[in-house]
């Protein structure tokens, strides 16, 4: 039987095109960023923020004082700019970024939503207690408290920025890129703690560093077990909502810090222990370096 040489060449050509297309859809530079590179990425975030602030400041000179404080949206825009460059460099698909676990995203969320909700009050009160202790040793300046007051003057912008956009963009950056890369290079413990410290440092002040580091450890643990950003975004958003409610109920400009009552703390601790029990039940440890 006579074989057509052109058919073999065509098949080889199609195979090479398919291989190139698969490679194009596969993540590249999986170990970027390293710890040092991640520090420079966070510094790049600050640099981009300053550029955006300068542009908005010039705009405000023309627009007058009609625009409110935009520190939250500026930070989110900076995250978006840096993150877009990272996604292009790593050739990472958004579907793989948001969920690369074995179980479906729907299955993960259906299992974890209730346990995550249970731990939020205890986590929030623990963070409030730690930040209050921090404030007792290193009090925030009047300028920092004034910035909080200014940021909360427009509840709509504040709510959208803190409770909707921040959980999505920050989880994409710190867990979806940085922690994802760290888990390829370091032990699980070192990767989670390192990414959490960077997450806290990115908030630029002492109390928020403590809050970000504690929250980052919990979010990092959830991501390491699930390889999904959806439960992280959910937990981050619910936590921010509760903190925002407490912030609006208290007076940020005063020196008095809000602390929950003993009975409220006891209930929150009981719910948190129940949530941790179910999370441990549903999330089996991954094999690899501890």
Protein backbone atom coordinates (compact mmCIF):
# COMPACT_ATOMS: atom_id res chain seq x y z
CA UNK A 1 0.00 0.00 0.00
CA UNK A 2 1.35 3.40 -0.99
CA UNK A 3 1.60 6.02 1.73
CA UNK A 4 1.24 9.69 0.94
CA UNK A 5 4.27 11.64 2.22
CA UNK A 6 2.20 14.80 2.46
CA UNK A 7 -0.20 13.12 4.90
CA UNK A 8 2.62 12.32 7.31
CA UNK A 9 3.94 15.85 7.11
CA UNK A 10 0.48 17.28 7.72
CA UNK A 11 -0.01 15.08 10.76
CA UNK A 12 3.39 16.11 12.14
CA UNK A 13 2.55 19.75 11.49
CA UNK A 14 -0.79 19.46 13.30
CA UNK A 15 0.89 17.66 16.21
CA UNK A 16 3.46 20.44 16.59
CA UNK A 17 0.77 23.14 16.44
CA UNK A 18 -1.24 21.27 19.10
CA UNK A 19 1.84 20.95 21.32
CA UNK A 20 2.55 24.67 21.00
CA UNK A 21 -1.05 25.56 21.81
CA UNK A 22 -1.03 23.31 24.89
CA UNK A 23 2.23 24.87 26.02
CA UNK A 24 0.78 28.35 25.51
CA UNK A 25 -2.15 27.43 27.76
CA UNK A 26 0.11 25.89 30.43
CA UNK A 27 1.51 28.01 33.22
CA UNK A 28 5.09 29.10 32.71
CA UNK A 29 7.62 30.37 35.27
CA UNK A 30 5.92 28.34 38.00
CA UNK A 31 8.54 29.26 40.59
CA UNK A 32 8.19 33.01 40.01
CA UNK A 33 8.16 34.85 42.30
CA UNK A 34 10.68 33.61 44.85
CA UNK A 35 10.70 35.18 48.33
CA UNK A 36 13.04 37.98 47.27
CA UNK A 37 11.15 38.57 44.01
CA UNK A 38 7.87 38.71 45.95
CA UNK A 39 9.29 41.47 48.16
CA UNK A 40 10.17 43.47 45.04
CA UNK A 41 6.65 42.85 43.68
CA UNK A 42 5.14 44.34 46.86
CA UNK A 43 7.51 47.30 46.49
CA UNK A 44 6.36 47.60 42.87
CA UNK A 45 2.79 47.79 44.19
CA UNK A 46 3.77 50.79 46.35
CA UNK A 47 5.51 52.42 43.37
CA UNK A 48 2.48 52.01 41.09
CA UNK A 49 0.24 53.34 43.87
CA UNK A 50 2.33 56.51 44.10
CA UNK A 51 2.05 57.04 40.35
CA UNK A 52 -1.74 56.64 40.49
CA UNK A 53 -1.93 58.95 43.52
CA UNK A 54 0.06 61.60 41.63
CA UNK A 55 -2.28 61.34 38.62
CA UNK A 56 -5.39 61.56 40.81
CA UNK A 57 -3.91 64.47 42.73
CA UNK A 58 -3.50 66.40 39.48
CA UNK A 59 -7.06 65.48 38.56
CA UNK A 60 -8.29 66.70 41.95
CA UNK A 61 -6.63 70.07 41.36
CA UNK A 62 -8.84 70.47 38.29
CA UNK A 63 -11.95 68.84 39.77
CA UNK A 64 -11.77 70.64 43.11
CA UNK A 65 -12.66 68.93 46.38
CA UNK A 66 -15.63 67.08 44.94
CA UNK A 67 -13.86 63.76 44.91
CA UNK A 68 -13.42 61.93 48.21
CA UNK A 69 -10.47 59.97 49.54
CA UNK A 70 -9.49 57.29 47.05
CA UNK A 71 -6.74 55.49 48.96
CA UNK A 72 -8.66 52.18 48.84
CA UNK A 73 -9.42 52.27 45.10
CA UNK A 74 -5.85 53.41 44.40
CA UNK A 75 -4.44 50.33 46.14
CA UNK A 76 -6.83 48.13 44.19
CA UNK A 77 -5.90 49.75 40.88
CA UNK A 78 -2.22 49.20 41.67
CA UNK A 79 -2.95 45.53 42.38
CA UNK A 80 -4.71 45.26 39.03
CA UNK A 81 -1.84 46.84 37.09
CA UNK A 82 0.88 44.67 38.66
CA UNK A 83 -1.28 41.57 38.53
CA UNK A 84 -2.02 41.96 34.82
CA UNK A 85 1.71 41.98 34.09
CA UNK A 86 2.20 38.88 36.24
CA UNK A 87 -0.54 36.96 34.45
CA UNK A 88 1.00 37.78 31.07
CA UNK A 89 4.49 36.79 32.21
CA UNK A 90 3.37 33.50 33.76
CA UNK A 91 0.98 32.66 30.89
CA UNK A 92 -1.50 31.65 33.57
CA UNK A 93 -5.14 31.17 32.68
CA UNK A 94 -7.72 32.73 34.97
CA UNK A 95 -9.57 29.42 35.27
CA UNK A 96 -6.40 27.75 36.57
CA UNK A 97 -5.64 30.72 38.81
CA UNK A 98 -9.02 30.63 40.54
CA UNK A 99 -9.29 26.87 40.88
CA UNK A 100 -6.79 24.10 40.21
CA UNK A 101 -7.90 21.57 42.81
CA UNK A 102 -9.15 18.07 42.08
CA UNK A 103 -12.68 18.65 43.41
CA UNK A 104 -14.89 21.11 41.57
CA UNK A 105 -15.18 24.68 42.83
CA UNK A 106 -18.89 24.11 43.52
CA UNK A 107 -18.14 21.03 45.61
CA UNK A 108 -15.46 22.89 47.57
CA UNK A 109 -17.73 25.85 48.32
CA UNK A 110 -20.72 23.67 49.24
CA UNK A 111 -18.56 21.90 51.83
CA UNK A 112 -16.64 24.84 53.23
CA UNK A 113 -19.09 27.77 53.24
CA UNK A 114 -20.67 26.99 56.60
CA UNK A 115 -17.41 26.09 58.45
CA UNK A 116 -15.79 29.27 57.09
CA UNK A 117 -18.73 31.35 58.29
CA UNK A 118 -18.41 29.75 61.73
CA UNK A 119 -14.79 30.83 62.18
CA UNK A 120 -15.24 34.44 61.04
CA UNK A 121 -16.51 35.95 64.34
CA UNK A 122 -13.78 34.26 66.39
CA UNK A 123 -11.13 35.23 63.85
CA UNK A 124 -12.35 38.83 63.79
CA UNK A 125 -12.43 39.17 67.57
CA UNK A 126 -8.97 37.57 67.86
CA UNK A 127 -7.59 40.09 65.36
CA UNK A 128 -9.29 42.99 67.17
CA UNK A 129 -7.76 41.84 70.46
CA UNK A 130 -4.27 41.55 68.94
CA UNK A 131 -4.47 44.92 67.20
CA UNK A 132 -5.73 46.53 70.42
CA UNK A 133 -2.72 45.11 72.26
CA UNK A 134 -0.50 46.48 69.48
CA UNK A 135 -2.14 49.90 69.80
CA UNK A 136 -1.46 49.82 73.54
CA UNK A 137 2.27 49.51 72.88
CA UNK A 138 2.59 51.47 69.61
CA UNK A 139 -0.45 53.78 69.29
CA UNK A 140 -1.49 54.94 65.85
CA UNK A 141 -0.79 58.54 65.04
CA UNK A 142 -3.53 61.13 64.69
CA UNK A 143 -2.83 61.23 60.95
CA UNK A 144 -3.47 57.48 60.60
CA UNK A 145 -6.75 57.74 62.50
CA UNK A 146 -7.74 60.71 60.35
CA UNK A 147 -7.13 58.62 57.23
CA UNK A 148 -9.52 55.98 58.55
CA UNK A 149 -12.15 58.63 59.18
CA UNK A 150 -11.63 60.03 55.69
CA UNK A 151 -11.86 56.61 54.06
CA UNK A 152 -15.17 55.87 55.77
CA UNK A 153 -16.82 59.16 54.79
CA UNK A 154 -18.26 57.55 51.67
CA UNK A 155 -19.77 54.22 52.79
CA UNK A 156 -20.55 53.09 49.24
CA UNK A 157 -17.00 53.47 47.87
CA UNK A 158 -15.57 52.08 51.10
CA UNK A 159 -17.92 49.07 51.04
CA UNK A 160 -17.30 48.21 47.39
CA UNK A 161 -13.54 48.62 47.73
CA UNK A 162 -13.09 46.74 51.01
CA UNK A 163 -15.83 44.12 50.84
CA UNK A 164 -15.98 43.30 47.11
CA UNK A 165 -12.90 44.35 45.14
CA UNK A 166 -10.21 43.88 47.80
CA UNK A 167 -11.04 40.22 48.56
CA UNK A 168 -10.93 39.34 44.86
CA UNK A 169 -7.83 41.27 43.78
CA UNK A 170 -5.79 40.64 46.94
CA UNK A 171 -6.51 36.91 46.89
CA UNK A 172 -5.58 36.73 43.21
CA UNK A 173 -2.27 38.44 43.95
CA UNK A 174 -1.19 37.09 47.34
CA UNK A 175 -2.63 33.58 47.27
CA UNK A 176 -3.15 33.01 43.55
CA UNK A 177 0.33 34.13 42.47
CA UNK A 178 2.67 34.55 45.45
CA UNK A 179 1.57 31.63 47.64
CA UNK A 180 1.03 29.44 44.57
CA UNK A 181 4.68 30.00 43.63
CA UNK A 182 5.96 29.66 47.21
CA UNK A 183 4.34 26.24 47.54
CA UNK A 184 6.43 25.09 44.56
CA UNK A 185 9.68 26.14 46.27
CA UNK A 186 9.37 26.04 50.05
CA UNK A 187 7.79 23.93 52.76
CA UNK A 188 4.07 24.41 53.33
CA UNK A 189 4.65 26.16 56.66
CA UNK A 190 7.29 28.53 55.30
CA UNK A 191 5.21 29.30 52.19
CA UNK A 192 2.06 30.11 54.16
CA UNK A 193 3.80 32.21 56.83
CA UNK A 194 5.99 34.02 54.30
CA UNK A 195 3.07 34.99 52.08
CA UNK A 196 1.03 36.04 55.14
CA UNK A 197 3.81 38.35 56.35
CA UNK A 198 4.01 39.96 52.90
CA UNK A 199 0.24 40.35 52.90
CA UNK A 200 0.39 42.11 56.27
CA UNK A 201 3.32 44.31 55.24
CA UNK A 202 1.43 45.47 52.15
CA UNK A 203 -1.10 47.24 54.41
CA UNK A 204 1.55 49.78 55.48
CA UNK A 205 0.76 50.19 59.19
CA UNK A 206 1.26 48.23 62.38
CA UNK A 207 -2.30 47.20 63.34
CA UNK A 208 -3.16 46.22 59.77
CA UNK A 209 0.12 44.31 59.52
CA UNK A 210 -0.96 42.20 62.50
CA UNK A 211 -4.45 41.74 61.07
CA UNK A 212 -3.14 40.90 57.60
CA UNK A 213 -0.57 38.42 58.91
CA UNK A 214 -3.13 36.53 61.03
CA UNK A 215 -5.76 36.54 58.30
CA UNK A 216 -3.12 35.62 55.70
CA UNK A 217 -2.11 32.51 57.65
CA UNK A 218 -5.71 31.28 57.74
CA UNK A 219 -6.30 32.10 54.07
CA UNK A 220 -2.99 30.47 53.13
CA UNK A 221 -3.92 27.29 54.98
CA UNK A 222 -7.29 27.13 53.19
CA UNK A 223 -5.65 27.71 49.80
CA UNK A 224 -2.92 25.13 50.42
CA UNK A 225 -5.54 22.49 51.22
CA UNK A 226 -7.99 23.33 48.41
CA UNK A 227 -5.86 24.96 45.67
CA UNK A 228 -8.87 27.20 45.11
CA UNK A 229 -9.28 30.96 45.52
CA UNK A 230 -13.05 30.78 45.90
CA UNK A 231 -13.15 29.83 49.60
CA UNK A 232 -10.36 32.36 50.26
CA UNK A 233 -12.31 35.15 48.56
CA UNK A 234 -15.44 34.12 50.45
CA UNK A 235 -13.68 34.11 53.85
CA UNK A 236 -11.84 37.38 53.10
CA UNK A 237 -15.06 39.12 52.02
CA UNK A 238 -17.11 38.00 55.04
CA UNK A 239 -14.28 38.99 57.39
CA UNK A 240 -14.04 42.45 55.78
CA UNK A 241 -17.81 42.91 56.01
CA UNK A 242 -17.81 42.15 59.74
CA UNK A 243 -14.81 44.41 60.38
CA UNK A 244 -16.47 47.21 58.38
CA UNK A 245 -19.68 46.89 60.42
CA UNK A 246 -17.68 47.12 63.65
CA UNK A 247 -15.70 50.07 62.26
CA UNK A 248 -18.85 52.01 61.38
CA UNK A 249 -20.39 51.22 64.77
CA UNK A 250 -17.32 52.50 66.63
CA UNK A 251 -15.47 55.83 66.44
CA UNK A 252 -12.14 55.46 64.61
CA UNK A 253 -11.05 58.97 65.50
CA UNK A 254 -11.30 58.37 69.24
CA UNK A 255 -8.66 56.69 71.30
CA UNK A 256 -11.12 54.11 72.64
CA UNK A 257 -10.95 50.72 70.94
CA UNK A 258 -13.95 48.47 70.60
CA UNK A 259 -13.66 45.09 72.31
CA UNK A 260 -16.35 42.38 72.43
CA UNK A 261 -17.84 41.35 75.75
CA UNK A 262 -16.75 38.16 77.48
CA UNK A 263 -19.97 36.31 76.63
CA UNK A 264 -19.75 37.35 72.98
CA UNK A 265 -16.13 36.17 72.85
CA UNK A 266 -17.12 32.82 74.37
CA UNK A 267 -19.82 32.27 71.75
CA UNK A 268 -17.46 33.29 68.93
CA UNK A 269 -14.76 30.95 70.27
CA UNK A 270 -17.21 28.05 70.42
CA UNK A 271 -18.35 28.67 66.83
CA UNK A 272 -14.73 28.99 65.68
CA UNK A 273 -13.76 25.66 67.29
CA UNK A 274 -16.74 24.02 65.60
CA UNK A 275 -15.73 25.54 62.25
CA UNK A 276 -12.12 24.42 62.65
CA UNK A 277 -13.30 20.89 63.46
CA UNK A 278 -15.33 20.66 60.26
CA UNK A 279 -12.58 22.28 58.18
CA UNK A 280 -10.10 19.67 59.44
CA UNK A 281 -12.67 17.00 58.67
CA UNK A 282 -13.26 18.18 55.11
CA UNK A 283 -9.73 19.28 54.21
CA UNK A 284 -7.25 16.43 54.18
CA UNK A 285 -3.54 17.37 54.35
CA UNK A 286 -1.66 17.35 51.06
CA UNK A 287 1.39 15.20 50.58
CA UNK A 288 4.72 16.99 50.40
CA UNK A 289 7.05 19.10 52.49
CA UNK A 290 5.61 20.24 55.79
